[in-house]
C-alpha atoms as a PDB file:
ATOM      1  CA  MET A   1     150.473-173.810-186.165  1.00  0.00           C
ATOM      2  CA  SER A   2     150.491-174.691-189.871  1.00  0.00           C
ATOM      3  CA  GLY A   3     147.966-173.554-192.463  1.00  0.00           C
ATOM      4  CA  ALA A   4     146.156-170.249-192.929  1.00  0.00           C
ATOM      5  CA  LEU A   5     145.307-167.711-190.242  1.00  0.00           C
ATOM      6  CA  THR A   6     141.894-166.044-190.620  1.00  0.00           C
ATOM      7  CA  THR A   7     142.325-162.260-190.503  1.00  0.00           C
ATOM      8  CA  ASP A   8     138.756-161.032-190.964  1.00  0.00           C
ATOM      9  CA  HIS A   9     138.644-159.256-187.584  1.00  0.00           C
ATOM     10  CA  PRO A  10     139.535-155.547-187.987  1.00  0.00           C
ATOM     11  CA  ALA A  11     142.021-155.652-185.102  1.00  0.00           C
ATOM     12  CA  TRP A  12     144.503-157.510-187.338  1.00  0.00           C
ATOM     13  CA  HIS A  13     146.754-154.983-189.046  1.00  0.00           C
ATOM     14  CA  VAL A  14     150.315-154.640-190.242  1.00  0.00           C
ATOM     15  CA  GLU A  15     152.590-153.194-187.558  1.00  0.00           C
ATOM     16  CA  ASN A  16     156.258-152.672-188.460  1.00  0.00           C
ATOM     17  CA  GLY A  17     155.948-155.183-191.295  1.00  0.00           C
ATOM     18  CA  THR A  18     154.251-157.896-189.212  1.00  0.00           C
ATOM     19  CA  LEU A  19     150.577-158.801-188.842  1.00  0.00           C
ATOM     20  CA  ALA A  20     149.607-157.983-185.258  1.00  0.00           C
ATOM     21  CA  ARG A  21     146.749-157.337-182.847  1.00  0.00           C
ATOM     22  CA  ALA A  22     146.085-157.087-179.124  1.00  0.00           C
ATOM     23  CA  VAL A  23     143.464-159.175-177.324  1.00  0.00           C
ATOM     24  CA  ARG A  24     142.072-159.225-173.809  1.00  0.00           C
ATOM     25  CA  THR A  25     141.410-162.559-172.121  1.00  0.00           C
ATOM     26  CA  SER A  26     139.861-162.965-168.675  1.00  0.00           C
ATOM     27  CA  SER A  27     143.344-163.009-167.128  1.00  0.00           C
ATOM     28  CA  GLY A  28     145.339-160.472-169.119  1.00  0.00           C
ATOM     29  CA  ILE A  29     146.186-158.542-172.268  1.00  0.00           C
ATOM     30  CA  TRP A  30     148.104-160.309-175.036  1.00  0.00           C
ATOM     31  CA  ALA A  31     150.007-159.203-178.117  1.00  0.00           C
ATOM     32  CA  LEU A  32     149.593-161.547-181.073  1.00  0.00           C
ATOM     33  CA  SER A  33     151.763-161.406-184.171  1.00  0.00           C
ATOM     34  CA  TYR A  34     152.017-163.510-187.302  1.00  0.00           C
ATOM     35  CA  ASP A  35     154.819-163.695-189.827  1.00  0.00           C
ATOM     36  CA  ARG A  36     156.464-166.267-192.087  1.00  0.00           C
ATOM     37  CA  ALA A  37     157.664-168.132-189.019  1.00  0.00           C
ATOM     38  CA  GLY A  38     154.087-168.472-187.757  1.00  0.00           C
ATOM     39  CA  LEU A  39     152.144-167.233-184.735  1.00  0.00           C
ATOM     40  CA  HIS A  40     153.749-165.520-181.737  1.00  0.00           C
ATOM     41  CA  THR A  41     151.993-164.631-178.463  1.00  0.00           C
ATOM     42  CA  ALA A  42     153.165-162.488-175.545  1.00  0.00           C
ATOM     43  CA  CYS A  43     151.317-161.632-172.342  1.00  0.00           C
ATOM     44  CA  LEU A  44     151.748-157.887-171.779  1.00  0.00           C
ATOM     45  CA  GLU A  45     149.599-157.343-168.674  1.00  0.00           C
ATOM     46  CA  GLY A  46     148.001-159.652-166.106  1.00  0.00           C
ATOM     47  CA  THR A  47     148.734-163.375-166.062  1.00  0.00           C
ATOM     48  CA  GLU A  48     149.050-166.163-168.618  1.00  0.00           C
ATOM     49  CA  ASP A  49     146.331-168.257-166.946  1.00  0.00           C
ATOM     50  CA  VAL A  50     143.886-167.850-169.857  1.00  0.00           C
ATOM     51  CA  LYS A  51     145.623-167.965-173.238  1.00  0.00           C
ATOM     52  CA  PRO A  52     144.121-166.958-176.612  1.00  0.00           C
ATOM     53  CA  ALA A  53     142.724-169.996-178.470  1.00  0.00           C
ATOM     54  CA  PHE A  54     142.864-170.633-182.220  1.00  0.00           C
ATOM     55  CA  PRO A  55     140.414-173.427-183.130  1.00  0.00           C
ATOM     56  CA  THR A  56     141.198-175.337-186.317  1.00  0.00           C
ATOM     57  CA  THR A  57     138.801-175.685-189.248  1.00  0.00           C
ATOM     58  CA  ASP A  58     139.436-178.766-191.402  1.00  0.00           C
ATOM     59  CA  PRO A  59     138.350-178.629-195.071  1.00  0.00           C
ATOM     60  CA  THR A  60     137.548-182.356-195.016  1.00  0.00           C
ATOM     61  CA  HIS A  61     134.306-181.328-193.261  1.00  0.00           C
ATOM     62  CA  LEU A  62     133.047-179.278-196.217  1.00  0.00           C
ATOM     63  CA  PRO A  63     129.583-180.470-197.320  1.00  0.00           C
ATOM     64  CA  ASP A  64     129.625-182.767-200.343  1.00  0.00           C
ATOM     65  CA  ALA A  65     126.578-180.994-201.760  1.00  0.00           C
ATOM     66  CA  ALA A  66     128.434-177.683-202.178  1.00  0.00           C
ATOM     67  CA  PRO A  67     129.633-176.889-205.723  1.00  0.00           C
ATOM     68  CA  ALA A  68     132.792-178.773-206.654  1.00  0.00           C
ATOM     69  CA  ALA A  69     134.635-175.606-207.699  1.00  0.00           C
ATOM     70  CA  LEU A  70     133.886-174.004-204.334  1.00  0.00           C
ATOM     71  CA  ARG A  71     135.056-177.059-202.407  1.00  0.00           C
ATOM     72  CA  GLN A  72     138.230-177.317-204.493  1.00  0.00           C
ATOM     73  CA  GLY A  73     139.096-173.670-203.902  1.00  0.00           C
ATOM     74  CA  LEU A  74     138.577-174.014-200.156  1.00  0.00           C
ATOM     75  CA  HIS A  75     140.536-177.273-199.975  1.00  0.00           C
ATOM     76  CA  ARG A  76     143.563-175.428-201.338  1.00  0.00           C
ATOM     77  CA  LEU A  77     143.633-173.332-198.162  1.00  0.00           C
ATOM     78  CA  GLY A  78     144.282-176.430-196.074  1.00  0.00           C
ATOM     79  CA  SER A  79     143.489-176.335-192.361  1.00  0.00           C
ATOM     80  CA  THR A  80     142.702-172.837-191.138  1.00  0.00           C
ATOM     81  CA  HIS A  81     142.892-171.187-187.726  1.00  0.00           C
ATOM     82  CA  ARG A  82     140.875-168.266-186.349  1.00  0.00           C
ATOM     83  CA  LEU A  83     141.141-166.630-182.967  1.00  0.00           C
ATOM     84  CA  ALA A  84     137.977-167.242-180.954  1.00  0.00           C
ATOM     85  CA  ASN A  85     137.638-163.687-179.650  1.00  0.00           C
ATOM     86  CA  PRO A  86     138.262-164.083-175.905  1.00  0.00           C
ATOM     87  CA  TRP A  87     136.508-160.808-174.994  1.00  0.00           C
ATOM     88  CA  LEU A  88     132.773-160.853-175.610  1.00  0.00           C
ATOM     89  CA  TRP A  89     132.546-157.085-175.313  1.00  0.00           C
ATOM     90  CA  ASP A  90     134.969-156.658-178.207  1.00  0.00           C
ATOM     91  CA  ALA A  91     132.949-159.119-180.300  1.00  0.00           C
ATOM     92  CA  ILE A  92     129.788-157.104-179.615  1.00  0.00           C
ATOM     93  CA  THR A  93     131.574-153.813-180.318  1.00  0.00           C
ATOM     94  CA  THR A  94     132.988-155.099-183.604  1.00  0.00           C
ATOM     95  CA  ALA A  95     129.620-156.359-184.829  1.00  0.00           C
ATOM     96  CA  ILE A  96     127.897-153.065-183.948  1.00  0.00           C
ATOM     97  CA  LEU A  97     130.531-150.996-185.759  1.00  0.00           C
ATOM     98  CA  ARG A  98     129.955-153.142-188.859  1.00  0.00           C
ATOM     99  CA  GLN A  99     126.299-152.084-189.019  1.00  0.00           C
ATOM    100  CA  VAL A 100     125.306-150.290-192.248  1.00  0.00           C
ATOM    101  CA  VAL A 101     128.868-149.373-193.345  1.00  0.00           C
ATOM    102  CA  ARG A 102     131.036-151.176-195.897  1.00  0.00           C
ATOM    103  CA  ALA A 103     133.695-153.601-194.704  1.00  0.00           C
ATOM    104  CA  GLU A 104     136.682-151.326-195.322  1.00  0.00           C
ATOM    105  CA  GLN A 105     134.936-148.391-193.660  1.00  0.00           C
ATOM    106  CA  ALA A 106     134.058-150.588-190.672  1.00  0.00           C
ATOM    107  CA  ARG A 107     137.691-151.680-190.386  1.00  0.00           C
ATOM    108  CA  LYS A 108     138.898-148.067-190.299  1.00  0.00           C
ATOM    109  CA  LEU A 109     136.141-147.067-187.876  1.00  0.00           C
ATOM    110  CA  TYR A 110     136.988-149.902-185.474  1.00  0.00           C
ATOM    111  CA  ARG A 111     140.678-148.986-185.420  1.00  0.00           C
ATOM    112  CA  THR A 112     139.970-145.284-184.927  1.00  0.00           C
ATOM    113  CA  TRP A 113     137.486-146.108-182.159  1.00  0.00           C
ATOM    114  CA  CYS A 114     140.065-148.231-180.336  1.00  0.00           C
ATOM    115  CA  ARG A 115     142.953-145.769-180.753  1.00  0.00           C
ATOM    116  CA  THR A 116     140.856-142.798-179.616  1.00  0.00           C
ATOM    117  CA  HIS A 117     138.795-144.209-176.758  1.00  0.00           C
ATOM    118  CA  GLY A 118     140.341-147.583-175.926  1.00  0.00           C
ATOM    119  CA  THR A 119     143.451-148.907-174.180  1.00  0.00           C
ATOM    120  CA  THR A 120     146.832-148.767-175.923  1.00  0.00           C
ATOM    121  CA  VAL A 121     149.592-151.222-175.042  1.00  0.00           C
ATOM    122  CA  THR A 122     153.063-151.665-176.441  1.00  0.00           C
ATOM    123  CA  GLY A 123     153.869-155.066-177.909  1.00  0.00           C
ATOM    124  CA  PRO A 124     156.995-156.469-179.562  1.00  0.00           C
ATOM    125  CA  HIS A 125     155.977-154.804-182.847  1.00  0.00           C
ATOM    126  CA  GLY A 126     154.743-151.455-181.563  1.00  0.00           C
ATOM    127  CA  ALA A 127     151.591-149.859-180.165  1.00  0.00           C
ATOM    128  CA  LEU A 128     148.383-151.920-180.196  1.00  0.00           C
ATOM    129  CA  ALA A 129     144.918-150.659-179.259  1.00  0.00           C
ATOM    130  CA  LEU A 130     142.053-152.463-177.539  1.00  0.00           C
ATOM    131  CA  ALA A 131     138.394-151.429-177.617  1.00  0.00           C
ATOM    132  CA  PRO A 132     137.112-149.227-174.797  1.00  0.00           C
ATOM    133  CA  SER A 133     135.340-151.198-172.080  1.00  0.00           C
ATOM    134  CA  ALA A 134     131.586-151.077-171.605  1.00  0.00           C
ATOM    135  CA  GLY A 135     132.071-148.724-168.681  1.00  0.00           C
ATOM    136  CA  ASP A 136     134.259-146.423-170.758  1.00  0.00           C
ATOM    137  CA  VAL A 137     131.612-146.327-173.497  1.00  0.00           C
ATOM    138  CA  LEU A 138     128.929-145.250-171.023  1.00  0.00           C
ATOM    139  CA  ALA A 139     131.185-142.395-169.855  1.00  0.00           C
ATOM    140  CA  LEU A 140     131.594-140.928-173.353  1.00  0.00           C
ATOM    141  CA  ALA A 141     129.761-137.765-174.369  1.00  0.00           C
ATOM    142  CA  ASP A 142     127.619-137.863-177.499  1.00  0.00           C
ATOM    143  CA  GLU A 143     130.083-135.749-179.464  1.00  0.00           C
ATOM    144  CA  GLN A 144     132.884-138.226-178.740  1.00  0.00           C
ATOM    145  CA  PHE A 145     131.044-140.816-180.813  1.00  0.00           C
ATOM    146  CA  ALA A 146     130.529-138.339-183.644  1.00  0.00           C
ATOM    147  CA  ASP A 147     134.160-137.226-183.577  1.00  0.00           C
ATOM    148  CA  VAL A 148     135.368-140.707-184.629  1.00  0.00           C
ATOM    149  CA  GLY A 149     132.555-141.359-187.103  1.00  0.00           C
ATOM    150  CA  ALA A 150     130.417-143.522-184.810  1.00  0.00           C
ATOM    151  CA  LYS A 151     127.414-141.198-184.471  1.00  0.00           C
ATOM    152  CA  PHE A 152     125.102-143.754-186.089  1.00  0.00           C
ATOM    153  CA  HIS A 153     126.356-146.519-183.775  1.00  0.00           C
ATOM    154  CA  ARG A 154     126.133-144.530-180.532  1.00  0.00           C
ATOM    155  CA  THR A 155     122.749-145.719-179.291  1.00  0.00           C
ATOM    156  CA  ALA A 156     123.505-149.389-180.041  1.00  0.00           C
ATOM    157  CA  LEU A 157     126.872-149.205-178.262  1.00  0.00           C
ATOM    158  CA  GLN A 158     125.316-147.451-175.277  1.00  0.00           C
ATOM    159  CA  ALA A 159     122.437-149.925-175.058  1.00  0.00           C
ATOM    160  CA  ALA A 160     124.816-152.881-175.221  1.00  0.00           C
ATOM    161  CA  ALA A 161     127.188-151.336-172.685  1.00  0.00           C
ATOM    162  CA  ALA A 162     124.340-150.665-170.246  1.00  0.00           C
ATOM    163  CA  LEU A 163     123.422-154.379-170.216  1.00  0.00           C
ATOM    164  CA  TYR A 164     126.879-155.919-170.564  1.00  0.00           C
ATOM    165  CA  ASP A 165     128.128-155.600-166.988  1.00  0.00           C
ATOM    166  CA  ARG A 166     124.899-157.092-165.628  1.00  0.00           C
ATOM    167  CA  HIS A 167     124.667-160.011-168.040  1.00  0.00           C
ATOM    168  CA  HIS A 168     128.076-160.831-169.516  1.00  0.00           C
ATOM    169  CA  ALA A 169     128.862-163.627-167.023  1.00  0.00           C
ATOM    170  CA  GLU A 170     125.630-165.357-168.045  1.00  0.00           C
ATOM    171  CA  TRP A 171     126.125-164.643-171.755  1.00  0.00           C
ATOM    172  CA  GLU A 172     129.670-166.025-171.763  1.00  0.00           C
ATOM    173  CA  ARG A 173     128.432-169.446-170.652  1.00  0.00           C
ATOM    174  CA  LEU A 174     125.977-169.816-173.537  1.00  0.00           C
ATOM    175  CA  GLN A 175     126.435-171.840-176.695  1.00  0.00           C
ATOM    176  CA  ALA A 176     126.574-169.882-179.965  1.00  0.00           C
ATOM    177  CA  HIS A 177     122.884-170.112-180.924  1.00  0.00           C
ATOM    178  CA  ASP A 178     121.667-169.242-177.428  1.00  0.00           C
ATOM    179  CA  LEU A 179     124.151-166.372-177.188  1.00  0.00           C
ATOM    180  CA  ALA A 180     122.863-164.890-180.433  1.00  0.00           C
ATOM    181  CA  THR A 181     119.301-165.205-179.109  1.00  0.00           C
ATOM    182  CA  ALA A 182     120.286-163.383-175.901  1.00  0.00           C
ATOM    183  CA  LEU A 183     122.139-160.577-177.703  1.00  0.00           C
ATOM    184  CA  VAL A 184     119.267-159.843-180.073  1.00  0.00           C
ATOM    185  CA  ARG A 185     117.257-158.657-177.061  1.00  0.00           C
ATOM    186  CA  ILE A 186     119.557-155.631-176.769  1.00  0.00           C
ATOM    187  CA  PRO A 187     117.977-152.517-178.337  1.00  0.00           C
ATOM    188  CA  ARG A 188     119.432-151.732-181.794  1.00  0.00           C
ATOM    189  CA  ILE A 189     120.972-155.230-181.996  1.00  0.00           C
ATOM    190  CA  GLY A 190     119.301-157.165-184.798  1.00  0.00           C
ATOM    191  CA  PRO A 191     119.749-160.810-185.829  1.00  0.00           C
ATOM    192  CA  TRP A 192     122.716-160.063-188.129  1.00  0.00           C
ATOM    193  CA  THR A 193     124.689-158.193-185.448  1.00  0.00           C
ATOM    194  CA  ALA A 194     123.852-160.746-182.749  1.00  0.00           C
ATOM    195  CA  ALA A 195     124.884-163.699-184.908  1.00  0.00           C
ATOM    196  CA  ALA A 196     128.127-162.041-186.043  1.00  0.00           C
ATOM    197  CA  ALA A 197     129.104-161.246-182.440  1.00  0.00           C
ATOM    198  CA  ALA A 198     128.226-164.739-181.209  1.00  0.00           C
ATOM    199  CA  ALA A 199     130.243-166.382-184.001  1.00  0.00           C
ATOM    200  CA  ASP A 200     133.268-164.169-183.292  1.00  0.00           C
ATOM    201  CA  PHE A 201     133.202-164.973-179.560  1.00  0.00           C
ATOM    202  CA  THR A 202     132.421-168.690-179.653  1.00  0.00           C
ATOM    203  CA  GLY A 203     134.285-169.515-182.866  1.00  0.00           C
ATOM    204  CA  ASP A 204     131.173-171.315-184.140  1.00  0.00           C
ATOM    205  CA  PHE A 205     130.347-169.997-187.620  1.00  0.00           C
ATOM    206  CA  SER A 206     127.417-172.340-188.138  1.00  0.00           C
ATOM    207  CA  ILE A 207     125.296-169.490-186.740  1.00  0.00           C
ATOM    208  CA  TYR A 208     126.964-166.682-188.727  1.00  0.00           C
ATOM    209  CA  PRO A 209     124.625-164.664-191.028  1.00  0.00           C
ATOM    210  CA  HIS A 210     125.316-166.827-194.086  1.00  0.00           C
ATOM    211  CA  ASP A 211     123.918-164.413-196.658  1.00  0.00           C
ATOM    212  CA  ASP A 212     126.418-161.784-195.540  1.00  0.00           C
ATOM    213  CA  LEU A 213     127.921-159.776-198.417  1.00  0.00           C
ATOM    214  CA  ALA A 214     131.425-161.061-197.634  1.00  0.00           C
ATOM    215  CA  VAL A 215     130.297-164.697-197.905  1.00  0.00           C
ATOM    216  CA  ARG A 216     128.541-163.970-201.223  1.00  0.00           C
ATOM    217  CA  THR A 217     131.504-162.026-202.603  1.00  0.00           C
ATOM    218  CA  TRP A 218     134.208-164.570-201.806  1.00  0.00           C
ATOM    219  CA  ALA A 219     132.084-167.541-202.883  1.00  0.00           C
ATOM    220  CA  ALA A 220     131.496-165.916-206.273  1.00  0.00           C
ATOM    221  CA  GLN A 221     135.217-165.260-206.665  1.00  0.00           C
ATOM    222  CA  ILE A 222     136.174-168.829-205.731  1.00  0.00           C
ATOM    223  CA  ALA A 223     133.641-170.399-208.116  1.00  0.00           C
ATOM    224  CA  PRO A 224     132.885-167.701-210.725  1.00  0.00           C
ATOM    225  CA  ASP A 225     131.138-170.065-213.142  1.00  0.00           C
ATOM    226  CA  TYR A 226     128.511-171.189-210.634  1.00  0.00           C
ATOM    227  CA  PRO A 227     125.061-169.552-211.124  1.00  0.00           C
ATOM    228  CA  TRP A 228     124.993-167.661-207.806  1.00  0.00           C
ATOM    229  CA  PRO A 229     121.795-165.814-206.834  1.00  0.00           C
ATOM    230  CA  GLY A 230     121.894-162.035-207.323  1.00  0.00           C
ATOM    231  CA  LYS A 231     122.788-159.674-204.482  1.00  0.00           C
ATOM    232  CA  LYS A 232     119.148-159.010-203.608  1.00  0.00           C
ATOM    233  CA  ASP A 233     118.009-162.601-204.126  1.00  0.00           C
ATOM    234  CA  LYS A 234     117.019-164.010-200.724  1.00  0.00           C
ATOM    235  CA  SER A 235     117.499-167.596-201.902  1.00  0.00           C
ATOM    236  CA  PHE A 236     121.257-167.450-201.197  1.00  0.00           C
ATOM    237  CA  GLY A 237     120.939-168.118-197.460  1.00  0.00           C
ATOM    238  CA  PRO A 238     118.657-171.173-197.732  1.00  0.00           C
ATOM    239  CA  MET A 239     120.789-172.523-200.584  1.00  0.00           C
ATOM    240  CA  TRP A 240     123.997-172.133-198.550  1.00  0.00           C
ATOM    241  CA  THR A 241     122.646-173.724-195.385  1.00  0.00           C
ATOM    242  CA  GLY A 242     120.857-176.419-197.403  1.00  0.00           C
ATOM    243  CA  TRP A 243     124.162-177.792-198.683  1.00  0.00           C
ATOM    244  CA  ALA A 244     125.120-178.664-195.106  1.00  0.00           C
ATOM    245  CA  GLY A 245     121.674-179.855-194.030  1.00  0.00           C
ATOM    246  CA  THR A 246     121.623-180.517-190.290  1.00  0.00           C
ATOM    247  CA  ASP A 247     125.409-180.925-190.042  1.00  0.00           C
ATOM    248  CA  HIS A 248     126.550-177.875-188.063  1.00  0.00           C
ATOM    249  CA  THR A 249     130.224-178.765-188.476  1.00  0.00           C
ATOM    250  CA  SER A 250     129.857-178.753-192.263  1.00  0.00           C
ATOM    251  CA  LEU A 251     128.041-175.417-192.201  1.00  0.00           C
ATOM    252  CA  HIS A 252     130.687-173.914-189.907  1.00  0.00           C
ATOM    253  CA  THR A 253     133.451-175.205-192.191  1.00  0.00           C
ATOM    254  CA  LEU A 254     131.798-173.929-195.359  1.00  0.00           C
ATOM    255  CA  THR A 255     131.143-170.452-193.984  1.00  0.00           C
ATOM    256  CA  LEU A 256     134.365-169.833-192.082  1.00  0.00           C
ATOM    257  CA  SER A 257     136.541-171.300-194.833  1.00  0.00           C
ATOM    258  CA  THR A 258     134.902-168.963-197.349  1.00  0.00           C
ATOM    259  CA  LEU A 259     135.496-165.944-195.116  1.00  0.00           C
ATOM    260  CA  THR A 260     139.068-167.107-194.596  1.00  0.00           C
ATOM    261  CA  TRP A 261     139.658-167.426-198.344  1.00  0.00           C
ATOM    262  CA  GLY A 262     138.970-163.708-198.651  1.00  0.00           C
ATOM    263  CA  SER A 263     141.024-162.586-195.670  1.00  0.00           C
ATOM    264  CA  HIS A 264     143.934-164.685-194.486  1.00  0.00           C
ATOM    265  CA  ALA A 265     147.678-164.973-194.026  1.00  0.00           C
ATOM    266  CA  HIS A 266     150.042-167.924-194.493  1.00  0.00           C
ATOM    267  CA  ALA A 267     153.196-168.638-192.536  1.00  0.00           C
ATOM    268  CA  GLU A 268     154.848-170.167-195.604  1.00  0.00           C
ATOM    269  CA  SER A 269     156.599-167.849-198.033  1.00  0.00           C
ATOM    270  CA  GLU A 270     154.847-169.130-201.165  1.00  0.00           C
ATOM    271  CA  GLU A 271     151.928-167.151-202.516  1.00  0.00           C
ATOM    272  CA  ARG A 272     148.438-168.548-201.832  1.00  0.00           C
ATOM    273  CA  CYS A 273     144.963-167.610-202.972  1.00  0.00           C
ATOM    274  CA  GLY A 274     143.272-164.836-201.040  1.00  0.00           C
ATOM    275  CA  THR A 275     144.883-161.862-199.346  1.00  0.00           C
ATOM    276  CA  TYR A 276     145.152-160.128-196.007  1.00  0.00           C
ATOM    277  CA  ARG A 277     142.865-157.103-195.925  1.00  0.00           C
END
């Protein structure tokens, strides 16, 4: 796998000098690691029947209407690869824990949540933690949420967990837009959370909340001379989606490439724009 690896998901972290995370597919638990030699995968539990997938995003699909400086900055990344989160429950959990808090705080909260209440496995580069299952979440006492800093997120996690076991088989068959529509029916799950979870699970970022602070921040850093709308200016979203028009592939490429610019790793040893966070 050549090109950049998208590392926006908080499960990616440095373990013994190597970027690593654990993921759960429908057939087993996998350890993923990434270094200068590229991506490495190892099945730790279960079977290898369902492997983690890393769809490719090609910068040639960027919309021509986007600012030239933005397109040039994203083209320098080359083709990018992001894990399509194989566990819908983790995608929902991650999006809920991102509610209200800043990105770095959400990253720390997610990792603490997984280490404290989730499943820990040992991979080639050390201990890796997975999110607690929906059933495990429903078994937690209220103070166990507060103890890890997730007091605010408790009711959303509980509401999602209560519906997940009944509906996840149906949800997992849906396309990105329909999945987001289904998830927004969960109490305390708004359009932003639903869209972020659906994009993470399906790998389709044409439905991601495009006026997200991360998208705005990285776009402004890539093309600092462009007259971007202010942080509270609601014209950013329509402007962003308008550049792609009805081309969902272009919108996906524009959004995911921008997120990747701000949080990625390269297998090659030379320094590239953007950093792992």
